[in-house]
Amino acid sequence: MTGVQTCALPISRDEPGRRKLNSTDQRLLLKTRAFALIVMLSNAFGNLFLTWGVRHSGELSSPLSYITVLFSPWVALGVLLLILWMLSKMALLSWADLTYVLPATSFGYVLNAFLGHYFLGEHISAGRWIGTALIVAGMVLVGLGSPHGESR
């Protein structure tokens, strides 16, 4: 593909089986983790504020009421955080593999469940909590790997 630059983390090995990242790669890994955290938090809190604002805005019965609710403080904050979520996710995807980013940021779904339960009073069934636990397990497995494939 032309125009698409891929980036693999070069890894030096001091001991057999032990990987050591150079300082540039450590900065890239730190940047990747920071952006993944921004993606998760901005998505979860953006959804929380958007939901809170819409639920407390009254009945949305006409197109004009949907436009008007956009200017309420909670909805506006939610929309701004969701814009931040999209921009930070786009930046993250510009250097990290999709197959790393999506599972690694899936903890946002877990955070959404907790925020919905504790701040919005939503009931979460046992099946949903089990599904949430499975998401965490998958996230841990993916997080143990590199944001970039070992070989390309």
Protein backbone atom coordinates (compact mmCIF):
# COMPACT_ATOMS: atom_id res chain seq x y z
CA MET A 1 0.00 0.00 0.00
CA THR A 2 1.34 3.39 -0.84
CA GLY A 3 1.12 6.21 1.61
CA VAL A 4 0.75 3.92 4.63
CA GLN A 5 3.71 3.83 6.96
CA THR A 6 3.99 1.00 9.42
CA CYS A 7 6.12 1.09 12.49
CA ALA A 8 7.49 -1.93 14.29
CA LEU A 9 9.23 -1.63 17.62
CA PRO A 10 12.83 -2.79 17.27
CA ILE A 11 13.71 -4.90 20.25
CA SER A 12 17.20 -5.61 21.52
CA ARG A 13 17.86 -8.69 23.58
CA ASP A 14 20.35 -8.64 26.44
CA GLU A 15 19.35 -12.00 27.85
CA PRO A 16 17.77 -14.96 26.12
CA GLY A 17 14.00 -14.50 26.12
CA ARG A 18 14.16 -11.05 27.76
CA ARG A 19 13.23 -8.02 25.66
CA LYS A 20 14.64 -4.56 26.20
CA LEU A 21 13.25 -1.47 24.48
CA ASN A 22 15.50 1.43 23.58
CA SER A 23 14.58 4.95 24.79
CA THR A 24 12.72 5.89 21.60
CA ASP A 25 10.62 2.75 21.81
CA GLN A 26 9.95 3.34 25.50
CA ARG A 27 8.63 6.83 24.67
CA LEU A 28 6.42 5.36 21.92
CA LEU A 29 5.08 2.76 24.34
CA LEU A 30 4.39 5.45 26.97
CA LYS A 31 2.68 7.63 24.35
CA THR A 32 0.59 4.66 23.22
CA ARG A 33 -0.53 3.89 26.76
CA ALA A 34 -1.29 7.56 27.48
CA PHE A 35 -3.42 7.87 24.35
CA ALA A 36 -5.18 4.58 25.11
CA LEU A 37 -6.06 6.00 28.54
CA ILE A 38 -7.34 9.23 26.97
CA VAL A 39 -9.44 7.18 24.52
CA MET A 40 -10.98 5.11 27.31
CA LEU A 41 -11.70 7.99 29.69
CA SER A 42 -13.01 10.44 27.10
CA ASN A 43 -15.35 7.80 25.67
CA ALA A 44 -16.70 6.64 29.02
CA PHE A 45 -17.18 10.11 30.53
CA GLY A 46 -18.43 11.54 27.23
CA ASN A 47 -21.14 8.87 27.13
CA LEU A 48 -21.96 9.43 30.81
CA PHE A 49 -22.38 13.20 30.45
CA LEU A 50 -24.28 12.87 27.19
CA THR A 51 -26.69 10.36 28.73
CA TRP A 52 -27.09 12.39 31.93
CA GLY A 53 -27.81 15.56 29.96
CA VAL A 54 -30.30 13.95 27.58
CA ARG A 55 -32.15 12.17 30.39
CA HIS A 56 -32.47 15.40 32.39
CA SER A 57 -33.45 17.64 29.49
CA GLY A 58 -37.10 16.73 29.25
CA GLU A 59 -38.94 15.16 26.37
CA LEU A 60 -37.23 15.15 22.99
CA SER A 61 -40.24 15.25 20.71
CA SER A 62 -39.16 17.37 17.76
CA PRO A 63 -36.01 17.97 15.70
CA LEU A 64 -35.73 21.39 17.31
CA SER A 65 -35.67 19.85 20.80
CA TYR A 66 -32.69 17.68 19.76
CA ILE A 67 -30.83 20.73 18.53
CA THR A 68 -31.70 22.70 21.66
CA VAL A 69 -30.48 19.95 24.00
CA LEU A 70 -27.05 20.09 22.35
CA PHE A 71 -26.53 23.43 24.09
CA SER A 72 -27.29 22.17 27.58
CA PRO A 73 -24.07 22.03 29.64
CA TRP A 74 -23.98 18.26 30.28
CA VAL A 75 -24.77 17.32 26.69
CA ALA A 76 -22.25 19.84 25.35
CA LEU A 77 -19.57 18.47 27.69
CA GLY A 78 -20.41 14.92 26.58
CA VAL A 79 -20.18 15.89 22.91
CA LEU A 80 -16.83 17.65 23.46
CA LEU A 81 -15.42 14.60 25.24
CA LEU A 82 -16.65 12.35 22.44
CA ILE A 83 -14.92 14.61 19.91
CA LEU A 84 -11.73 14.28 22.00
CA TRP A 85 -12.30 10.51 22.00
CA MET A 86 -12.50 10.38 18.20
CA LEU A 87 -9.45 12.59 17.64
CA SER A 88 -7.31 10.74 20.18
CA LYS A 89 -8.38 7.38 18.75
CA MET A 90 -7.47 8.56 15.26
CA ALA A 91 -4.05 9.65 16.52
CA LEU A 92 -3.53 6.33 18.32
CA LEU A 93 -4.47 4.36 15.22
CA SER A 94 -1.95 6.35 13.19
CA TRP A 95 0.95 4.53 14.87
CA ALA A 96 -0.45 1.48 16.70
CA ASP A 97 -2.00 -1.64 15.23
CA LEU A 98 -5.80 -1.81 15.07
CA THR A 99 -5.63 -5.32 16.52
CA TYR A 100 -3.92 -3.82 19.59
CA VAL A 101 -5.89 -0.57 19.92
CA LEU A 102 -9.40 -2.00 19.93
CA PRO A 103 -8.86 -4.67 22.60
CA ALA A 104 -6.54 -2.44 24.66
CA THR A 105 -9.11 0.36 24.80
CA SER A 106 -12.00 -1.99 25.46
CA PHE A 107 -11.66 -1.28 29.17
CA GLY A 108 -13.76 1.76 28.32
CA TYR A 109 -16.72 -0.63 28.05
CA VAL A 110 -16.04 -1.81 31.58
CA LEU A 111 -15.82 1.79 32.78
CA ASN A 112 -19.10 2.56 31.00
CA ALA A 113 -20.77 -0.29 32.89
CA PHE A 114 -19.55 1.00 36.25
CA LEU A 115 -20.46 4.62 35.47
CA GLY A 116 -23.91 3.60 34.22
CA HIS A 117 -24.51 1.52 37.32
CA TYR A 118 -23.24 3.96 39.93
CA PHE A 119 -24.13 7.34 38.40
CA LEU A 120 -27.16 6.58 36.24
CA GLY A 121 -28.69 3.89 38.46
CA GLU A 122 -28.75 1.31 35.67
CA HIS A 123 -29.29 -2.33 36.60
CA ILE A 124 -26.60 -4.62 35.25
CA SER A 125 -27.50 -8.30 35.13
CA ALA A 126 -25.13 -11.11 36.10
CA GLY A 127 -24.72 -11.95 32.43
CA ARG A 128 -23.55 -8.43 31.66
CA TRP A 129 -21.07 -8.53 34.55
CA ILE A 130 -19.72 -11.85 33.23
CA GLY A 131 -19.38 -10.31 29.78
CA THR A 132 -17.58 -7.36 31.35
CA ALA A 133 -15.17 -9.75 33.10
CA LEU A 134 -14.46 -11.45 29.78
CA ILE A 135 -13.64 -8.06 28.24
CA VAL A 136 -11.16 -7.44 31.06
CA ALA A 137 -9.56 -10.85 30.50
CA GLY A 138 -9.18 -10.17 26.78
CA MET A 139 -7.77 -6.73 27.47
CA VAL A 140 -5.14 -8.17 29.80
CA LEU A 141 -4.07 -10.74 27.20
CA VAL A 142 -3.74 -8.12 24.47
CA GLY A 143 -2.05 -5.63 26.78
CA LEU A 144 0.75 -8.07 27.48
CA GLY A 145 1.82 -7.82 23.84
CA SER A 146 3.37 -5.09 21.75
CA PRO A 147 1.27 -2.30 20.17
CA HIS A 148 2.97 -3.28 16.93
CA GLY A 149 3.24 -6.73 15.43
CA GLU A 150 6.52 -8.51 16.08
CA SER A 151 7.01 -9.15 12.37
CA ARG A 152 5.62 -7.43 9.34
